[in-house]
C-alpha atoms as a PDB file:
ATOM      1  CA  MET A   1      31.264  64.239  83.004  1.00  0.00           C
ATOM      2  CA  ALA A   2      33.868  67.010  82.631  1.00  0.00           C
ATOM      3  CA  ALA A   3      33.602  67.439  78.866  1.00  0.00           C
ATOM      4  CA  ASP A   4      29.811  67.347  78.933  1.00  0.00           C
ATOM      5  CA  ALA A   5      29.534  69.490  82.061  1.00  0.00           C
ATOM      6  CA  ARG A   6      30.141  72.718  80.170  1.00  0.00           C
ATOM      7  CA  ILE A   7      27.268  71.925  77.821  1.00  0.00           C
ATOM      8  CA  TRP A   8      24.994  70.853  80.672  1.00  0.00           C
ATOM      9  CA  LEU A   9      25.713  73.951  82.770  1.00  0.00           C
ATOM     10  CA  THR A  10      25.338  76.294  79.812  1.00  0.00           C
ATOM     11  CA  GLU A  11      21.994  74.713  78.914  1.00  0.00           C
ATOM     12  CA  ILE A  12      20.721  75.138  82.484  1.00  0.00           C
ATOM     13  CA  ILE A  13      21.504  78.848  82.332  1.00  0.00           C
ATOM     14  CA  GLU A  14      20.151  79.337  78.804  1.00  0.00           C
ATOM     15  CA  GLU A  15      16.903  77.493  79.515  1.00  0.00           C
ATOM     16  CA  TYR A  16      16.271  79.437  82.704  1.00  0.00           C
ATOM     17  CA  LEU A  17      16.847  82.683  80.840  1.00  0.00           C
ATOM     18  CA  LYS A  18      14.358  81.589  78.184  1.00  0.00           C
ATOM     19  CA  ASP A  19      11.664  80.099  80.407  1.00  0.00           C
ATOM     20  CA  SER A  20      11.719  81.912  83.745  1.00  0.00           C
ATOM     21  CA  PRO A  21       8.998  84.540  84.281  1.00  0.00           C
ATOM     22  CA  ASP A  22      11.551  86.364  86.441  1.00  0.00           C
ATOM     23  CA  ASN A  23      13.389  87.399  83.263  1.00  0.00           C
ATOM     24  CA  SER A  24      11.257  90.511  83.071  1.00  0.00           C
ATOM     25  CA  LEU A  25      11.595  94.276  83.342  1.00  0.00           C
ATOM     26  CA  LYS A  26       8.293  94.293  85.282  1.00  0.00           C
ATOM     27  CA  MET A  27       6.855  96.939  82.983  1.00  0.00           C
ATOM     28  CA  GLU A  28       3.674  97.204  80.950  1.00  0.00           C
ATOM     29  CA  PRO A  29       3.599  95.701  78.416  1.00  0.00           C
ATOM     30  CA  ASP A  30       5.852  93.030  79.877  1.00  0.00           C
ATOM     31  CA  GLU A  31       9.171  92.381  78.167  1.00  0.00           C
ATOM     32  CA  LYS A  32      12.230  90.306  78.937  1.00  0.00           C
ATOM     33  CA  ALA A  33      15.095  91.956  80.765  1.00  0.00           C
ATOM     34  CA  TRP A  34      18.015  90.143  79.148  1.00  0.00           C
ATOM     35  CA  ASP A  35      19.322  89.085  75.766  1.00  0.00           C
ATOM     36  CA  ALA A  36      21.079  85.771  74.974  1.00  0.00           C
ATOM     37  CA  VAL A  37      23.557  84.866  77.706  1.00  0.00           C
ATOM     38  CA  LEU A  38      27.328  84.366  77.497  1.00  0.00           C
ATOM     39  CA  VAL A  39      28.850  81.658  79.720  1.00  0.00           C
ATOM     40  CA  GLY A  40      32.486  81.004  80.629  1.00  0.00           C
ATOM     41  CA  PHE A  41      34.451  78.844  83.064  1.00  0.00           C
ATOM     42  CA  SER A  42      37.593  79.408  85.111  1.00  0.00           C
ATOM     43  CA  SER A  43      39.522  77.195  87.507  1.00  0.00           C
ATOM     44  CA  GLY A  44      39.419  77.684  91.245  1.00  0.00           C
ATOM     45  CA  ALA A  45      43.200  77.338  91.120  1.00  0.00           C
ATOM     46  CA  ASP A  46      43.689  80.087  88.516  1.00  0.00           C
ATOM     47  CA  PRO A  47      46.532  82.323  89.809  1.00  0.00           C
ATOM     48  CA  LEU A  48      44.472  85.368  88.850  1.00  0.00           C
ATOM     49  CA  TYR A  49      42.290  84.894  91.918  1.00  0.00           C
ATOM     50  CA  GLU A  50      45.265  85.233  94.247  1.00  0.00           C
ATOM     51  CA  ALA A  51      46.428  88.238  92.221  1.00  0.00           C
ATOM     52  CA  TYR A  52      43.031  89.877  92.712  1.00  0.00           C
ATOM     53  CA  LYS A  53      43.929  90.441  96.365  1.00  0.00           C
ATOM     54  CA  ASP A  54      46.424  92.995  95.065  1.00  0.00           C
ATOM     55  CA  LEU A  55      44.559  94.109  91.950  1.00  0.00           C
ATOM     56  CA  VAL A  56      40.946  94.312  93.177  1.00  0.00           C
ATOM     57  CA  SER A  57      40.812  94.340  96.965  1.00  0.00           C
ATOM     58  CA  GLU A  58      42.776  93.148  99.937  1.00  0.00           C
ATOM     59  CA  SER A  59      39.513  91.487 101.024  1.00  0.00           C
ATOM     60  CA  HIS A  60      38.724  89.761  97.715  1.00  0.00           C
ATOM     61  CA  TRP A  61      37.988  86.064  98.140  1.00  0.00           C
ATOM     62  CA  THR A  62      39.626  83.295  96.196  1.00  0.00           C
ATOM     63  CA  PRO A  63      37.166  80.650  94.948  1.00  0.00           C
ATOM     64  CA  LEU A  64      38.366  78.338  97.720  1.00  0.00           C
ATOM     65  CA  GLU A  65      37.734  80.974 100.387  1.00  0.00           C
ATOM     66  CA  ALA A  66      34.224  81.664  99.106  1.00  0.00           C
ATOM     67  CA  PHE A  67      33.397  77.967  98.777  1.00  0.00           C
ATOM     68  CA  SER A  68      34.716  77.270 102.281  1.00  0.00           C
ATOM     69  CA  ILE A  69      32.416  79.912 103.750  1.00  0.00           C
ATOM     70  CA  GLY A  70      29.466  78.001 102.332  1.00  0.00           C
ATOM     71  CA  PHE A  71      30.893  74.581 103.240  1.00  0.00           C
ATOM     72  CA  PRO A  72      33.287  75.064 106.168  1.00  0.00           C
ATOM     73  CA  ASP A  73      33.549  71.330 106.899  1.00  0.00           C
ATOM     74  CA  VAL A  74      34.347  70.264 103.332  1.00  0.00           C
ATOM     75  CA  VAL A  75      37.989  69.846 102.341  1.00  0.00           C
ATOM     76  CA  VAL A  76      38.453  70.556  98.647  1.00  0.00           C
ATOM     77  CA  ASN A  77      41.354  71.087  96.287  1.00  0.00           C
ATOM     78  CA  PRO A  78      41.087  74.491  94.537  1.00  0.00           C
ATOM     79  CA  ALA A  79      41.907  72.746  91.249  1.00  0.00           C
ATOM     80  CA  ASN A  80      38.654  70.792  91.601  1.00  0.00           C
ATOM     81  CA  LEU A  81      36.596  73.975  91.877  1.00  0.00           C
ATOM     82  CA  THR A  82      35.137  75.697  88.820  1.00  0.00           C
ATOM     83  CA  VAL A  83      33.860  79.260  88.670  1.00  0.00           C
ATOM     84  CA  ILE A  84      30.877  79.387  86.313  1.00  0.00           C
ATOM     85  CA  SER A  85      30.457  82.960  85.060  1.00  0.00           C
ATOM     86  CA  TRP A  86      27.820  84.522  82.848  1.00  0.00           C
ATOM     87  CA  ILE A  87      27.001  87.798  81.140  1.00  0.00           C
ATOM     88  CA  LEU A  88      23.385  88.989  80.862  1.00  0.00           C
ATOM     89  CA  PRO A  89      23.425  91.511  77.984  1.00  0.00           C
ATOM     90  CA  GLN A  90      20.983  94.397  77.948  1.00  0.00           C
ATOM     91  CA  ARG A  91      18.365  94.175  75.213  1.00  0.00           C
ATOM     92  CA  GLU A  92      18.337  96.652  72.340  1.00  0.00           C
ATOM     93  CA  ALA A  93      15.273  98.530  73.627  1.00  0.00           C
ATOM     94  CA  THR A  94      16.991  99.184  76.961  1.00  0.00           C
ATOM     95  CA  ARG A  95      20.234 100.249  75.319  1.00  0.00           C
ATOM     96  CA  SER A  96      18.391 102.456  72.849  1.00  0.00           C
ATOM     97  CA  ASP A  97      16.488 104.256  75.603  1.00  0.00           C
ATOM     98  CA  ASN A  98      19.612 104.886  77.648  1.00  0.00           C
ATOM     99  CA  ARG A  99      21.563 105.959  74.575  1.00  0.00           C
ATOM    100  CA  LYS A 100      19.224 108.950  74.291  1.00  0.00           C
ATOM    101  CA  GLU A 101      19.813 110.080  77.870  1.00  0.00           C
ATOM    102  CA  THR A 102      22.420 112.685  78.800  1.00  0.00           C
ATOM    103  CA  PHE A 103      22.225 112.954  82.593  1.00  0.00           C
ATOM    104  CA  TYR A 104      19.778 110.500  84.182  1.00  0.00           C
ATOM    105  CA  PRO A 105      19.085 106.832  83.383  1.00  0.00           C
ATOM    106  CA  SER A 106      16.097 105.722  81.338  1.00  0.00           C
ATOM    107  CA  ARG A 107      13.301 103.864  83.063  1.00  0.00           C
ATOM    108  CA  ARG A 108      14.141 100.634  81.243  1.00  0.00           C
ATOM    109  CA  TRP A 109      17.735 100.892  82.454  1.00  0.00           C
ATOM    110  CA  VAL A 110      16.597 101.279  86.056  1.00  0.00           C
ATOM    111  CA  GLN A 111      14.245  98.314  85.705  1.00  0.00           C
ATOM    112  CA  ALA A 112      17.062  96.203  84.278  1.00  0.00           C
ATOM    113  CA  ARG A 113      19.231  97.097  87.240  1.00  0.00           C
ATOM    114  CA  PHE A 114      16.674  96.178  89.892  1.00  0.00           C
ATOM    115  CA  PRO A 115      14.005  93.670  88.765  1.00  0.00           C
ATOM    116  CA  GLY A 116      16.662  92.586  86.270  1.00  0.00           C
ATOM    117  CA  GLU A 117      19.188  91.920  89.019  1.00  0.00           C
ATOM    118  CA  GLU A 118      16.522  90.072  90.993  1.00  0.00           C
ATOM    119  CA  PHE A 119      16.423  87.682  88.042  1.00  0.00           C
ATOM    120  CA  ASN A 120      20.207  87.392  88.213  1.00  0.00           C
ATOM    121  CA  ASN A 121      19.884  86.380  91.862  1.00  0.00           C
ATOM    122  CA  SER A 122      17.196  83.844  91.023  1.00  0.00           C
ATOM    123  CA  LEU A 123      19.489  82.452  88.307  1.00  0.00           C
ATOM    124  CA  ARG A 124      22.275  82.094  90.878  1.00  0.00           C
ATOM    125  CA  ARG A 125      19.938  80.158  93.173  1.00  0.00           C
ATOM    126  CA  HIS A 126      18.566  78.081  90.294  1.00  0.00           C
ATOM    127  CA  LEU A 127      22.036  76.972  89.231  1.00  0.00           C
ATOM    128  CA  VAL A 128      23.025  76.122  92.814  1.00  0.00           C
ATOM    129  CA  ASN A 129      19.850  74.033  93.143  1.00  0.00           C
ATOM    130  CA  ALA A 130      20.446  72.288  89.807  1.00  0.00           C
ATOM    131  CA  LEU A 131      23.959  71.356  90.900  1.00  0.00           C
ATOM    132  CA  SER A 132      22.689  70.204  94.292  1.00  0.00           C
ATOM    133  CA  SER A 133      20.175  67.907  92.572  1.00  0.00           C
ATOM    134  CA  ARG A 134      23.200  66.090  91.100  1.00  0.00           C
ATOM    135  CA  GLY A 135      24.943  65.935  94.475  1.00  0.00           C
ATOM    136  CA  ILE A 136      27.349  68.763  93.563  1.00  0.00           C
ATOM    137  CA  LYS A 137      28.082  71.378  96.204  1.00  0.00           C
ATOM    138  CA  SER A 138      28.208  74.992  95.064  1.00  0.00           C
ATOM    139  CA  VAL A 139      27.904  78.570  96.280  1.00  0.00           C
ATOM    140  CA  ALA A 140      26.928  81.882  94.730  1.00  0.00           C
ATOM    141  CA  PRO A 141      29.481  84.229  96.351  1.00  0.00           C
ATOM    142  CA  ILE A 142      27.306  87.343  96.027  1.00  0.00           C
ATOM    143  CA  LEU A 143      24.487  85.604  97.936  1.00  0.00           C
ATOM    144  CA  LEU A 144      26.653  84.550 100.875  1.00  0.00           C
ATOM    145  CA  PRO A 145      25.717  86.539 104.009  1.00  0.00           C
ATOM    146  CA  GLU A 146      29.413  87.290 104.489  1.00  0.00           C
ATOM    147  CA  TRP A 147      29.700  89.046 101.121  1.00  0.00           C
ATOM    148  CA  SER A 148      29.838  92.822 101.210  1.00  0.00           C
ATOM    149  CA  ARG A 149      31.230  95.846  99.499  1.00  0.00           C
ATOM    150  CA  VAL A 150      34.218  97.252 101.330  1.00  0.00           C
ATOM    151  CA  LYS A 151      36.072 100.532 101.501  1.00  0.00           C
ATOM    152  CA  SER A 152      39.652 100.337 100.370  1.00  0.00           C
ATOM    153  CA  ALA A 153      42.455 102.818 100.905  1.00  0.00           C
ATOM    154  CA  ARG A 154      43.863 101.879  97.520  1.00  0.00           C
ATOM    155  CA  PHE A 155      40.714 101.231  95.463  1.00  0.00           C
ATOM    156  CA  VAL A 156      38.152 103.470  97.246  1.00  0.00           C
ATOM    157  CA  PHE A 157      35.341 100.920  96.827  1.00  0.00           C
ATOM    158  CA  SER A 158      35.661  97.221  96.154  1.00  0.00           C
ATOM    159  CA  SER A 159      34.006  93.983  97.222  1.00  0.00           C
ATOM    160  CA  LYS A 160      34.775  90.566  98.610  1.00  0.00           C
ATOM    161  CA  TRP A 161      33.869  88.993  95.252  1.00  0.00           C
ATOM    162  CA  SER A 162      33.890  90.819  91.926  1.00  0.00           C
ATOM    163  CA  GLU A 163      31.625  89.276  89.295  1.00  0.00           C
ATOM    164  CA  ARG A 164      33.346  91.266  86.547  1.00  0.00           C
ATOM    165  CA  HIS A 165      36.792  89.998  87.510  1.00  0.00           C
ATOM    166  CA  ALA A 166      35.528  86.422  87.660  1.00  0.00           C
ATOM    167  CA  ALA A 167      34.132  86.923  84.146  1.00  0.00           C
ATOM    168  CA  TYR A 168      37.497  88.282  83.001  1.00  0.00           C
ATOM    169  CA  ALA A 169      39.174  85.143  84.371  1.00  0.00           C
ATOM    170  CA  ALA A 170      36.604  83.070  82.468  1.00  0.00           C
ATOM    171  CA  GLY A 171      37.544  84.614  79.126  1.00  0.00           C
ATOM    172  CA  LEU A 172      34.364  86.663  78.781  1.00  0.00           C
ATOM    173  CA  GLY A 173      35.785  90.160  78.414  1.00  0.00           C
ATOM    174  CA  THR A 174      38.303  92.855  79.306  1.00  0.00           C
ATOM    175  CA  PHE A 175      38.079  96.211  81.030  1.00  0.00           C
ATOM    176  CA  GLY A 176      37.604  99.643  79.515  1.00  0.00           C
ATOM    177  CA  LEU A 177      38.567 103.154  80.556  1.00  0.00           C
ATOM    178  CA  CYS A 178      35.402 103.442  82.670  1.00  0.00           C
ATOM    179  CA  ASP A 179      36.093 100.056  84.368  1.00  0.00           C
ATOM    180  CA  GLY A 180      33.207  98.403  82.502  1.00  0.00           C
ATOM    181  CA  LEU A 181      33.760  94.871  81.185  1.00  0.00           C
ATOM    182  CA  ILE A 182      33.748  94.814  77.376  1.00  0.00           C
ATOM    183  CA  THR A 183      32.483  91.463  76.068  1.00  0.00           C
ATOM    184  CA  SER A 184      31.517  90.059  72.683  1.00  0.00           C
ATOM    185  CA  LYS A 185      28.034  91.416  73.509  1.00  0.00           C
ATOM    186  CA  GLY A 186      29.411  94.768  74.654  1.00  0.00           C
ATOM    187  CA  LYS A 187      29.587  96.273  78.124  1.00  0.00           C
ATOM    188  CA  ALA A 188      25.898  97.011  78.756  1.00  0.00           C
ATOM    189  CA  HIS A 189      25.104  94.011  80.933  1.00  0.00           C
ATOM    190  CA  ARG A 190      24.926  92.418  84.371  1.00  0.00           C
ATOM    191  CA  VAL A 191      27.252  89.642  85.512  1.00  0.00           C
ATOM    192  CA  GLY A 192      26.861  86.579  87.732  1.00  0.00           C
ATOM    193  CA  SER A 193      28.746  83.528  88.945  1.00  0.00           C
ATOM    194  CA  VAL A 194      28.583  80.315  90.957  1.00  0.00           C
ATOM    195  CA  ILE A 195      31.512  78.296  92.332  1.00  0.00           C
ATOM    196  CA  ALA A 196      31.040  74.521  92.076  1.00  0.00           C
ATOM    197  CA  ASP A 197      32.923  71.523  93.417  1.00  0.00           C
ATOM    198  CA  LEU A 198      33.163  70.191  89.893  1.00  0.00           C
ATOM    199  CA  SER A 199      36.138  70.061  87.556  1.00  0.00           C
ATOM    200  CA  VAL A 200      35.176  71.569  84.195  1.00  0.00           C
ATOM    201  CA  PRO A 201      37.454  72.452  81.254  1.00  0.00           C
ATOM    202  CA  VAL A 202      38.167  76.167  81.470  1.00  0.00           C
ATOM    203  CA  THR A 203      37.350  78.725  78.805  1.00  0.00           C
ATOM    204  CA  GLU A 204      40.421  80.021  77.018  1.00  0.00           C
ATOM    205  CA  ARG A 205      41.120  83.703  77.595  1.00  0.00           C
ATOM    206  CA  PRO A 206      41.370  85.077  74.050  1.00  0.00           C
ATOM    207  CA  TYR A 207      43.317  88.140  75.189  1.00  0.00           C
ATOM    208  CA  ASP A 208      46.695  88.853  76.711  1.00  0.00           C
ATOM    209  CA  ASN A 209      45.917  91.930  78.791  1.00  0.00           C
ATOM    210  CA  HIS A 210      43.016  93.298  80.794  1.00  0.00           C
ATOM    211  CA  HIS A 211      42.428  96.283  78.464  1.00  0.00           C
ATOM    212  CA  ALA A 212      42.591  94.391  75.164  1.00  0.00           C
ATOM    213  CA  TYR A 213      39.068  95.304  73.967  1.00  0.00           C
ATOM    214  CA  CYS A 214      39.175  99.031  74.842  1.00  0.00           C
ATOM    215  CA  LEU A 215      39.922 101.455  72.001  1.00  0.00           C
ATOM    216  CA  PHE A 216      41.473 103.994  74.366  1.00  0.00           C
ATOM    217  CA  PHE A 217      44.095 101.510  75.502  1.00  0.00           C
ATOM    218  CA  TYR A 218      44.360  99.936  72.042  1.00  0.00           C
ATOM    219  CA  ASP A 219      45.398 103.060  70.143  1.00  0.00           C
ATOM    220  CA  GLY A 220      44.151 106.097  72.061  1.00  0.00           C
ATOM    221  CA  SER A 221      41.411 106.750  69.510  1.00  0.00           C
ATOM    222  CA  CYS A 222      38.364 106.724  71.795  1.00  0.00           C
ATOM    223  CA  THR A 223      37.207 108.506  74.928  1.00  0.00           C
ATOM    224  CA  ALA A 224      33.488 108.161  74.234  1.00  0.00           C
ATOM    225  CA  CYS A 225      32.706 106.898  77.737  1.00  0.00           C
ATOM    226  CA  ARG A 226      34.454 109.955  79.193  1.00  0.00           C
ATOM    227  CA  LYS A 227      32.290 112.226  77.066  1.00  0.00           C
ATOM    228  CA  ARG A 228      29.142 110.335  78.052  1.00  0.00           C
ATOM    229  CA  CYS A 229      29.746 110.710  81.789  1.00  0.00           C
ATOM    230  CA  PRO A 230      27.547 113.592  83.004  1.00  0.00           C
ATOM    231  CA  VAL A 231      29.667 114.371  86.074  1.00  0.00           C
ATOM    232  CA  GLY A 232      33.220 114.000  84.797  1.00  0.00           C
ATOM    233  CA  ALA A 233      33.887 110.798  86.735  1.00  0.00           C
ATOM    234  CA  ILE A 234      35.839 109.326  83.805  1.00  0.00           C
ATOM    235  CA  THR A 235      39.077 110.883  82.620  1.00  0.00           C
ATOM    236  CA  GLU A 236      42.046 109.643  80.648  1.00  0.00           C
ATOM    237  CA  THR A 237      43.605 108.651  83.969  1.00  0.00           C
ATOM    238  CA  GLY A 238      40.683 106.394  84.861  1.00  0.00           C
ATOM    239  CA  HIS A 239      37.437 106.147  86.809  1.00  0.00           C
ATOM    240  CA  ASP A 240      36.628 108.285  89.856  1.00  0.00           C
ATOM    241  CA  LYS A 241      34.551 105.801  91.854  1.00  0.00           C
ATOM    242  CA  GLN A 242      33.506 108.297  94.522  1.00  0.00           C
ATOM    243  CA  LYS A 243      32.179 110.859  92.057  1.00  0.00           C
ATOM    244  CA  CYS A 244      30.456 108.099  90.073  1.00  0.00           C
ATOM    245  CA  ARG A 245      28.832 106.615  93.169  1.00  0.00           C
ATOM    246  CA  GLU A 246      27.488 109.980  94.320  1.00  0.00           C
ATOM    247  CA  HIS A 247      25.833 110.535  90.959  1.00  0.00           C
ATOM    248  CA  VAL A 248      24.464 106.988  90.610  1.00  0.00           C
ATOM    249  CA  HIS A 249      23.189 106.518  94.157  1.00  0.00           C
ATOM    250  CA  GLU A 250      22.338 110.011  95.332  1.00  0.00           C
ATOM    251  CA  THR A 251      21.520 112.235  92.361  1.00  0.00           C
ATOM    252  CA  CYS A 252      20.000 109.518  90.188  1.00  0.00           C
ATOM    253  CA  GLY A 253      18.449 107.784  93.180  1.00  0.00           C
ATOM    254  CA  GLU A 254      16.447 110.910  93.969  1.00  0.00           C
ATOM    255  CA  TYR A 255      15.479 111.273  90.306  1.00  0.00           C
ATOM    256  CA  VAL A 256      14.275 107.667  90.131  1.00  0.00           C
ATOM    257  CA  ARG A 257      12.175 108.061  93.275  1.00  0.00           C
ATOM    258  CA  LYS A 258      10.525 111.223  91.976  1.00  0.00           C
ATOM    259  CA  SER A 259      10.147 110.173  88.338  1.00  0.00           C
ATOM    260  CA  PHE A 260       9.410 106.453  88.556  1.00  0.00           C
ATOM    261  CA  GLY A 261       8.173 106.040  92.123  1.00  0.00           C
ATOM    262  CA  SER A 262      10.721 103.358  93.013  1.00  0.00           C
ATOM    263  CA  ASP A 263      13.739 103.062  95.277  1.00  0.00           C
ATOM    264  CA  GLY A 264      16.145 102.189  92.469  1.00  0.00           C
ATOM    265  CA  HIS A 265      19.076 104.082  91.052  1.00  0.00           C
ATOM    266  CA  GLY A 266      21.516 103.758  88.174  1.00  0.00           C
ATOM    267  CA  CYS A 267      23.109 105.611  85.303  1.00  0.00           C
ATOM    268  CA  GLY A 268      24.812 103.453  82.663  1.00  0.00           C
ATOM    269  CA  LEU A 269      25.448 106.335  80.284  1.00  0.00           C
ATOM    270  CA  CYS A 270      29.074 105.238  79.865  1.00  0.00           C
ATOM    271  CA  GLN A 271      27.811 101.813  78.778  1.00  0.00           C
ATOM    272  CA  THR A 272      25.569 103.119  76.001  1.00  0.00           C
ATOM    273  CA  GLY A 273      26.188 105.409  73.054  1.00  0.00           C
ATOM    274  CA  VAL A 274      29.786 104.171  72.866  1.00  0.00           C
ATOM    275  CA  PRO A 275      31.606 101.919  70.342  1.00  0.00           C
ATOM    276  CA  CYS A 276      31.737  99.036  72.844  1.00  0.00           C
ATOM    277  CA  GLU A 277      28.049  99.235  73.814  1.00  0.00           C
ATOM    278  CA  SER A 278      26.997  96.010  72.094  1.00  0.00           C
ATOM    279  CA  GLY A 279      30.241  94.313  71.114  1.00  0.00           C
ATOM    280  CA  ILE A 280      34.000  94.502  70.825  1.00  0.00           C
ATOM    281  CA  PRO A 281      34.836  97.642  68.787  1.00  0.00           C
ATOM    282  CA  LYS A 282      35.050  96.839  65.085  1.00  0.00           C
ATOM    283  CA  LYS A 283      38.629  98.070  64.708  1.00  0.00           C
ATOM    284  CA  ILE A 284      39.839  95.733  67.450  1.00  0.00           C
ATOM    285  CA  LEU A 285      37.678  92.856  66.242  1.00  0.00           C
ATOM    286  CA  LYS A 286      39.115  93.225  62.735  1.00  0.00           C
ATOM    287  CA  ALA A 287      42.651  93.113  64.127  1.00  0.00           C
ATOM    288  CA  LEU A 288      41.827  90.060  66.244  1.00  0.00           C
ATOM    289  CA  ASN A 289      40.313  88.247  63.271  1.00  0.00           C
ATOM    290  CA  LYS A 290      43.396  89.063  61.199  1.00  0.00           C
ATOM    291  CA  THR A 291      45.608  87.704  63.971  1.00  0.00           C
ATOM    292  CA  ASP A 292      43.494  84.544  64.136  1.00  0.00           C
ATOM    293  CA  SER A 293      43.731  83.988  60.392  1.00  0.00           C
ATOM    294  CA  CYS A 294      47.515  84.213  60.639  1.00  0.00           C
ATOM    295  CA  GLY A 295      47.555  81.751  63.523  1.00  0.00           C
ATOM    296  CA  LYS A 296      49.536  84.064  65.772  1.00  0.00           C
ATOM    297  CA  ARG A 297      47.287  84.415  68.806  1.00  0.00           C
END
């Protein structure tokens, strides 16, 4: 089943995205929240997951640790676990609206973050149920009661499972100056994953470093996300998580309550109006294609 499993799993995700009424911004007139999905696979034994305890958080789970929380009585080899990761790209209308903003998020962006993330959760559950129907045990780490965000002396804020880092391991993208994950569909997106007791061929990582798709780290030519940040939380030395969080949750949260009558929050300005909004920057993509044609990757 291994060779066909990637196709089967990808089709489950794609069909749910296409058919589920939950894929909605919950606005009038109704419109879908997400564009065509990207799917990638990484091994539960990938050394990156152990490295994430140093690179992401001291509390970050390995796939085996997360799976064992869901199935404490099941003995499994990490090499037999697969992390199924996906990217839900923002649609053009949402990106366009947020591109015009300079301080607060657009309404569409807020709806994508909240009703849109509710769809992401329903997709997690749907995939777990689909696997269970075939007798395959799986967990969605973010939905485990034990999952939480944690404070970190080294990283300020982190979590017990990072969807973006799982997606990086699955070959779906690399990180930018603002910490966003730049994918072939850009960095305006939401991310999800499920860990399954199923051995699936992994997705090749088409990059050799975690900043490969960011123009700032590529040749220093871009700081667009820094300029887009309304509170100076992005500098050439990186991302100030505390300053960012205060703006997103407190300042924008109050704005969303007053303007849209909901309890949401968000910002996303650094993800829109930038060269990596909807794809890998053209300069980098051109260089990658040239490398491919020479067979030197």
